[in-house]
Amino acid sequence: FFFNGCSARGVSDDGGAATVALANDKKAQQLEADLALLLGYRDDETLCLARTILAETDTLARNYQVQPPALWHNFLVNIGIRDRGLCCHWTQDLLRKIESLQLQNYQAVWAVSRHGTWREHNCVVVTAAGQGITTGLVLDAWRDAGHLYWARVAEDRYAWQRHPGDNGIARIRCR
């Protein structure tokens, strides 16, 4: 199950696709390295998780028909022109994909900043299994309108906490 959907991308002879594939491979390598730091070592789960996160982010951006910047896309969702693409949708869908991997060495949680305010923001935080959220890595595809942003929780500009409604089994519902 570790390798389901986690194979390397092929590179074609047309320059545009090759450039995108190379950039994605570099991004995957950097994300893999940052995820490996959470464990202190690389393993098969690390590579699979990195590639899955990036592939799912690309898929969701296409499915949501993201229109940058993120706040503009929120407006489109809120007035009914787009169905999904709020930060809670990104979190919900990315968590679902990560959980389908049934990882043993990592865990993903629903994180929230400014909970219950009109400025609430949601994201996924990945940690080594059994570790607290403060040791984790923020995964936020909403912030840059479909381009994955990640950083250590302690280094991010948002003050993240585990969402009070996230019990790890039944996830929070987006509106």
Foldseek 3Di string as FASTA:
>chain_A
DLCVVQDQDDADPDPVRNVVSVVLVVQLVVQLVVQCVLVVHHDSNSSSLSRQLLVVLQVVLVVQVWDDDLVVSVVCCVVPVTVDQAQVRSAVSSQVSSVVSVDDQKHKAWKWFPPPDPPIGIFIWMHTPPDASQQTKTWTCSNRRSHTDIDRCVPDPTNIHGPPQIPPPDDDDDD
